[in-house]
N, C-alpha and C. Protein backbone atom coordinates (compact mmCIF):
# COMPACT_ATOMS: atom_id res chain seq x y z
N MET A 1 -176.75 -112.40 0.03
CA MET A 1 -177.41 -112.37 1.33
C MET A 1 -176.45 -111.76 2.36
N THR A 2 -176.99 -111.08 3.34
CA THR A 2 -176.17 -110.42 4.34
C THR A 2 -175.88 -111.33 5.51
N LEU A 3 -174.95 -110.91 6.35
CA LEU A 3 -174.61 -111.68 7.53
C LEU A 3 -175.81 -111.82 8.45
N SER A 4 -176.55 -110.74 8.62
CA SER A 4 -177.73 -110.81 9.50
C SER A 4 -178.76 -111.78 8.93
N GLY A 5 -178.92 -111.79 7.61
CA GLY A 5 -179.85 -112.74 6.98
C GLY A 5 -179.39 -114.16 7.14
N ASP A 6 -178.09 -114.38 7.01
CA ASP A 6 -177.53 -115.73 7.20
C ASP A 6 -177.75 -116.21 8.63
N LEU A 7 -177.48 -115.34 9.59
CA LEU A 7 -177.67 -115.72 10.99
C LEU A 7 -179.13 -116.00 11.29
N GLU A 8 -180.00 -115.16 10.74
CA GLU A 8 -181.44 -115.36 10.97
C GLU A 8 -181.92 -116.67 10.36
N ALA A 9 -181.41 -117.01 9.17
CA ALA A 9 -181.81 -118.26 8.51
C ALA A 9 -181.35 -119.48 9.31
N LEU A 10 -180.23 -119.32 10.00
CA LEU A 10 -179.73 -120.42 10.83
C LEU A 10 -180.36 -120.48 12.20
N GLY A 11 -181.19 -119.49 12.50
CA GLY A 11 -181.84 -119.45 13.81
C GLY A 11 -180.94 -118.93 14.91
N VAL A 12 -179.92 -118.17 14.54
CA VAL A 12 -178.99 -117.61 15.52
C VAL A 12 -179.44 -116.21 15.89
N ASP A 13 -179.49 -115.93 17.18
CA ASP A 13 -179.85 -114.60 17.66
C ASP A 13 -178.60 -113.90 18.18
N LEU A 14 -178.59 -112.57 18.06
CA LEU A 14 -177.45 -111.77 18.51
C LEU A 14 -177.88 -110.94 19.70
N ILE A 15 -177.12 -111.07 20.78
CA ILE A 15 -177.37 -110.25 21.96
C ILE A 15 -176.05 -109.60 22.33
N VAL A 16 -176.03 -108.27 22.25
CA VAL A 16 -174.84 -107.51 22.63
C VAL A 16 -175.10 -106.97 24.02
N LEU A 17 -174.31 -107.43 24.97
CA LEU A 17 -174.59 -107.11 26.37
C LEU A 17 -174.38 -105.64 26.71
N ASP A 18 -173.37 -104.99 26.13
CA ASP A 18 -173.11 -103.60 26.51
C ASP A 18 -173.77 -102.61 25.56
N GLN A 19 -174.58 -103.09 24.62
CA GLN A 19 -175.34 -102.23 23.71
C GLN A 19 -176.81 -102.61 23.81
N ALA A 20 -177.66 -101.86 23.16
CA ALA A 20 -179.10 -102.15 23.21
C ALA A 20 -179.51 -103.00 22.01
N ILE A 21 -178.68 -103.98 21.67
CA ILE A 21 -179.00 -104.84 20.52
C ILE A 21 -179.32 -106.23 21.04
N ASP A 22 -180.53 -106.67 20.77
CA ASP A 22 -180.98 -108.02 21.14
C ASP A 22 -181.94 -108.46 20.06
N THR A 23 -181.48 -109.30 19.14
CA THR A 23 -182.30 -109.68 17.99
C THR A 23 -183.39 -110.68 18.33
N THR A 24 -183.52 -111.00 19.62
CA THR A 24 -184.64 -111.86 20.01
C THR A 24 -185.90 -111.03 20.22
N THR A 25 -185.77 -109.69 20.29
CA THR A 25 -186.93 -108.82 20.47
C THR A 25 -187.15 -107.99 19.21
N PRO A 26 -188.39 -107.57 18.97
CA PRO A 26 -188.66 -106.74 17.78
C PRO A 26 -187.87 -105.42 17.80
N SER A 27 -187.78 -104.77 18.96
CA SER A 27 -187.05 -103.50 19.01
C SER A 27 -185.55 -103.72 18.78
N GLY A 28 -185.01 -104.81 19.25
CA GLY A 28 -183.60 -105.13 19.02
C GLY A 28 -183.32 -105.40 17.55
N ARG A 29 -184.24 -106.12 16.90
CA ARG A 29 -184.08 -106.38 15.47
C ARG A 29 -184.16 -105.08 14.68
N LEU A 30 -185.10 -104.18 15.09
CA LEU A 30 -185.23 -102.89 14.42
C LEU A 30 -183.93 -102.11 14.55
N LEU A 31 -183.38 -102.03 15.74
CA LEU A 31 -182.14 -101.30 15.95
C LEU A 31 -181.00 -101.91 15.13
N PHE A 32 -180.92 -103.23 15.12
CA PHE A 32 -179.87 -103.92 14.35
C PHE A 32 -179.98 -103.59 12.87
N HIS A 33 -181.20 -103.61 12.34
CA HIS A 33 -181.40 -103.31 10.92
C HIS A 33 -181.15 -101.83 10.62
N MET A 34 -181.49 -100.94 11.55
CA MET A 34 -181.22 -99.52 11.36
C MET A 34 -179.71 -99.27 11.31
N LEU A 35 -178.97 -99.91 12.22
CA LEU A 35 -177.51 -99.76 12.21
C LEU A 35 -176.91 -100.31 10.92
N ALA A 36 -177.44 -101.42 10.46
CA ALA A 36 -176.95 -102.00 9.20
C ALA A 36 -177.24 -101.07 8.03
N ALA A 37 -178.42 -100.45 8.02
CA ALA A 37 -178.78 -99.53 6.93
C ALA A 37 -177.88 -98.29 6.95
N ILE A 38 -177.59 -97.77 8.14
CA ILE A 38 -176.72 -96.61 8.25
C ILE A 38 -175.30 -96.96 7.80
N ALA A 39 -174.82 -98.14 8.17
CA ALA A 39 -173.49 -98.58 7.75
C ALA A 39 -173.42 -98.73 6.23
N GLU A 40 -174.47 -99.28 5.63
CA GLU A 40 -174.50 -99.42 4.17
C GLU A 40 -174.52 -98.05 3.50
N PHE A 41 -175.29 -97.13 4.05
CA PHE A 41 -175.35 -95.76 3.53
C PHE A 41 -173.97 -95.11 3.59
N GLU A 42 -173.30 -95.25 4.72
CA GLU A 42 -171.97 -94.67 4.89
C GLU A 42 -170.98 -95.28 3.90
N ARG A 43 -171.06 -96.59 3.70
CA ARG A 43 -170.18 -97.27 2.74
C ARG A 43 -170.41 -96.73 1.33
N ASP A 44 -171.66 -96.52 0.97
CA ASP A 44 -171.98 -95.98 -0.35
C ASP A 44 -171.46 -94.55 -0.52
N LEU A 45 -171.57 -93.74 0.54
CA LEU A 45 -171.03 -92.38 0.48
C LEU A 45 -169.52 -92.40 0.24
N ILE A 46 -168.82 -93.25 0.97
CA ILE A 46 -167.36 -93.35 0.81
C ILE A 46 -167.03 -93.79 -0.61
N ARG A 47 -167.75 -94.78 -1.11
CA ARG A 47 -167.51 -95.27 -2.47
C ARG A 47 -167.72 -94.15 -3.50
N ASP A 48 -168.81 -93.39 -3.34
CA ASP A 48 -169.08 -92.29 -4.26
C ASP A 48 -167.97 -91.24 -4.22
N ARG A 49 -167.48 -90.93 -3.02
CA ARG A 49 -166.39 -89.95 -2.90
C ARG A 49 -165.11 -90.45 -3.56
N VAL A 50 -164.81 -91.71 -3.36
CA VAL A 50 -163.60 -92.28 -3.96
C VAL A 50 -163.72 -92.28 -5.48
N MET A 51 -164.87 -92.68 -5.99
CA MET A 51 -165.06 -92.71 -7.44
C MET A 51 -164.98 -91.29 -8.03
N ALA A 52 -165.55 -90.31 -7.33
CA ALA A 52 -165.49 -88.92 -7.80
C ALA A 52 -164.04 -88.43 -7.81
N GLY A 53 -163.28 -88.79 -6.79
CA GLY A 53 -161.88 -88.41 -6.74
C GLY A 53 -161.07 -89.04 -7.83
N LEU A 54 -161.31 -90.32 -8.11
CA LEU A 54 -160.60 -91.00 -9.20
C LEU A 54 -160.96 -90.40 -10.55
N GLU A 55 -162.22 -90.04 -10.73
CA GLU A 55 -162.65 -89.42 -11.99
C GLU A 55 -161.98 -88.06 -12.17
N ARG A 56 -161.92 -87.30 -11.09
CA ARG A 56 -161.26 -85.98 -11.14
C ARG A 56 -159.78 -86.16 -11.47
N ALA A 57 -159.14 -87.15 -10.85
CA ALA A 57 -157.72 -87.40 -11.13
C ALA A 57 -157.53 -87.82 -12.58
N ARG A 58 -158.44 -88.64 -13.09
CA ARG A 58 -158.35 -89.09 -14.48
C ARG A 58 -158.48 -87.91 -15.44
N ARG A 59 -159.40 -86.98 -15.12
CA ARG A 59 -159.57 -85.79 -15.96
C ARG A 59 -158.31 -84.94 -15.96
N ARG A 60 -157.58 -84.96 -14.85
CA ARG A 60 -156.34 -84.19 -14.75
C ARG A 60 -155.15 -84.95 -15.32
N GLY A 61 -155.37 -86.16 -15.81
CA GLY A 61 -154.31 -86.93 -16.44
C GLY A 61 -153.49 -87.77 -15.49
N THR A 62 -154.04 -88.10 -14.32
CA THR A 62 -153.31 -88.93 -13.36
C THR A 62 -154.20 -90.08 -12.94
N LYS A 63 -153.62 -90.96 -12.14
CA LYS A 63 -154.41 -92.07 -11.61
C LYS A 63 -154.78 -91.85 -10.15
N SER A 64 -153.89 -91.23 -9.40
CA SER A 64 -154.13 -91.07 -7.97
C SER A 64 -153.95 -89.64 -7.51
N GLY A 65 -153.95 -88.70 -8.44
CA GLY A 65 -153.71 -87.32 -8.08
C GLY A 65 -152.27 -86.92 -8.29
N ARG A 66 -151.39 -87.92 -8.39
CA ARG A 66 -149.98 -87.66 -8.65
C ARG A 66 -149.72 -87.84 -10.13
N PRO A 67 -148.71 -87.17 -10.66
CA PRO A 67 -148.39 -87.37 -12.07
C PRO A 67 -148.08 -88.83 -12.36
N ILE A 68 -148.49 -89.30 -13.53
CA ILE A 68 -148.26 -90.69 -13.91
C ILE A 68 -146.78 -90.88 -14.22
N GLY A 69 -146.23 -91.96 -13.74
CA GLY A 69 -144.82 -92.28 -14.00
C GLY A 69 -143.89 -91.57 -13.05
N ARG A 70 -142.61 -91.79 -13.25
CA ARG A 70 -141.61 -91.16 -12.41
C ARG A 70 -141.49 -89.69 -12.78
N PRO A 71 -141.24 -88.85 -11.78
CA PRO A 71 -141.06 -87.44 -12.11
C PRO A 71 -139.82 -87.25 -12.98
N ARG A 72 -139.93 -86.35 -13.91
CA ARG A 72 -138.81 -86.06 -14.81
C ARG A 72 -137.75 -85.28 -14.04
N VAL A 73 -136.53 -85.72 -14.16
CA VAL A 73 -135.43 -85.04 -13.50
C VAL A 73 -134.58 -84.39 -14.57
N ASN A 74 -134.22 -83.14 -14.33
CA ASN A 74 -133.35 -82.46 -15.28
C ASN A 74 -132.06 -83.25 -15.42
N SER A 75 -131.59 -83.38 -16.65
CA SER A 75 -130.36 -84.14 -16.83
C SER A 75 -129.18 -83.31 -16.37
N VAL A 76 -128.16 -84.00 -15.92
CA VAL A 76 -126.96 -83.34 -15.42
C VAL A 76 -125.86 -83.54 -16.46
N ASP A 77 -125.31 -82.46 -16.91
CA ASP A 77 -124.17 -82.51 -17.83
C ASP A 77 -122.93 -82.74 -16.98
N ALA A 78 -122.38 -83.96 -17.06
CA ALA A 78 -121.25 -84.33 -16.21
C ALA A 78 -120.04 -83.44 -16.45
N ASP A 79 -119.78 -83.08 -17.70
CA ASP A 79 -118.62 -82.23 -18.00
C ASP A 79 -118.80 -80.85 -17.37
N GLU A 80 -119.99 -80.30 -17.50
CA GLU A 80 -120.27 -78.98 -16.91
C GLU A 80 -120.18 -79.05 -15.39
N ALA A 81 -120.71 -80.13 -14.79
CA ALA A 81 -120.65 -80.29 -13.34
C ALA A 81 -119.20 -80.39 -12.88
N ARG A 82 -118.40 -81.16 -13.61
CA ARG A 82 -116.99 -81.31 -13.26
C ARG A 82 -116.27 -79.96 -13.34
N ARG A 83 -116.57 -79.18 -14.37
CA ARG A 83 -115.95 -77.87 -14.54
C ARG A 83 -116.31 -76.94 -13.38
N LEU A 84 -117.61 -76.93 -13.01
CA LEU A 84 -118.05 -76.08 -11.91
C LEU A 84 -117.40 -76.49 -10.59
N LEU A 85 -117.28 -77.80 -10.37
CA LEU A 85 -116.64 -78.28 -9.15
C LEU A 85 -115.17 -77.89 -9.12
N SER A 86 -114.49 -77.97 -10.28
CA SER A 86 -113.06 -77.61 -10.32
C SER A 86 -112.86 -76.10 -10.10
N GLU A 87 -113.89 -75.32 -10.39
CA GLU A 87 -113.81 -73.88 -10.15
C GLU A 87 -114.06 -73.53 -8.69
N GLY A 88 -114.36 -74.55 -7.88
CA GLY A 88 -114.53 -74.31 -6.45
C GLY A 88 -115.97 -74.26 -5.97
N HIS A 89 -116.93 -74.50 -6.87
CA HIS A 89 -118.34 -74.51 -6.45
C HIS A 89 -118.59 -75.78 -5.64
N SER A 90 -119.48 -75.68 -4.66
CA SER A 90 -119.81 -76.85 -3.86
C SER A 90 -120.74 -77.77 -4.65
N LEU A 91 -120.82 -79.00 -4.19
CA LEU A 91 -121.71 -79.98 -4.84
C LEU A 91 -123.16 -79.50 -4.79
N ARG A 92 -123.54 -78.92 -3.67
CA ARG A 92 -124.91 -78.41 -3.54
C ARG A 92 -125.17 -77.26 -4.51
N ALA A 93 -124.18 -76.39 -4.67
CA ALA A 93 -124.36 -75.26 -5.59
C ALA A 93 -124.49 -75.76 -7.03
N VAL A 94 -123.70 -76.78 -7.38
CA VAL A 94 -123.79 -77.35 -8.73
C VAL A 94 -125.17 -78.00 -8.92
N ALA A 95 -125.61 -78.74 -7.90
CA ALA A 95 -126.93 -79.39 -7.99
C ALA A 95 -128.02 -78.35 -8.11
N ARG A 96 -127.91 -77.26 -7.37
CA ARG A 96 -128.90 -76.18 -7.44
C ARG A 96 -128.95 -75.58 -8.83
N LYS A 97 -127.78 -75.44 -9.46
CA LYS A 97 -127.73 -74.89 -10.82
C LYS A 97 -128.48 -75.78 -11.81
N PHE A 98 -128.35 -77.10 -11.64
CA PHE A 98 -129.04 -78.04 -12.53
C PHE A 98 -130.48 -78.30 -12.10
N GLY A 99 -130.83 -77.88 -10.89
CA GLY A 99 -132.19 -78.09 -10.39
C GLY A 99 -132.45 -79.51 -9.97
N VAL A 100 -131.41 -80.18 -9.42
CA VAL A 100 -131.55 -81.57 -9.00
C VAL A 100 -130.99 -81.71 -7.59
N HIS A 101 -131.17 -82.90 -7.03
CA HIS A 101 -130.59 -83.24 -5.74
C HIS A 101 -129.10 -83.51 -5.95
N PRO A 102 -128.26 -83.21 -4.96
CA PRO A 102 -126.82 -83.46 -5.11
C PRO A 102 -126.48 -84.90 -5.48
N GLN A 103 -127.30 -85.85 -5.07
CA GLN A 103 -127.03 -87.26 -5.41
C GLN A 103 -127.06 -87.48 -6.92
N TYR A 104 -127.92 -86.75 -7.63
CA TYR A 104 -127.97 -86.89 -9.09
C TYR A 104 -126.67 -86.42 -9.72
N VAL A 105 -126.07 -85.38 -9.15
CA VAL A 105 -124.79 -84.90 -9.66
C VAL A 105 -123.72 -85.96 -9.41
N ARG A 106 -123.71 -86.55 -8.22
CA ARG A 106 -122.74 -87.61 -7.91
C ARG A 106 -122.88 -88.77 -8.89
N ARG A 107 -124.12 -89.18 -9.14
CA ARG A 107 -124.33 -90.31 -10.07
C ARG A 107 -123.86 -89.97 -11.47
N ALA A 108 -124.14 -88.75 -11.90
CA ALA A 108 -123.72 -88.34 -13.25
C ALA A 108 -122.20 -88.34 -13.35
N LEU A 109 -121.51 -87.91 -12.31
CA LEU A 109 -120.06 -87.89 -12.31
C LEU A 109 -119.49 -89.30 -12.27
N ALA A 110 -120.13 -90.18 -11.52
CA ALA A 110 -119.65 -91.57 -11.41
C ALA A 110 -119.86 -92.34 -12.70
N SER A 111 -120.93 -92.06 -13.42
CA SER A 111 -121.22 -92.82 -14.65
C SER A 111 -120.48 -92.26 -15.86
N ALA A 112 -119.99 -91.05 -15.76
CA ALA A 112 -119.32 -90.43 -16.93
C ALA A 112 -117.83 -90.74 -16.96
């Protein structure tokens, strides 16, 4: 049962002072029900769009449009990174060579 049905069953009337909604009159009830029908229609449209988007994402192999799981990061060869750094390459240049963020190079060097 809807909120409007619950209120009507309890004998409660709705009067919105700054709108043309007054459920004590037939025209006010009509307007209230029309607004409720439009809101329900809009909710159904949104639901259909969301479901279509989720289905499209599922067909593409994802859940939300993004790849499932963590993005794969190219591994950093700590020995190679150390060699490049000793040759005078900057940390950014080494990271660019491996195709990763400089922080990944730092972590690889710290763990090796």
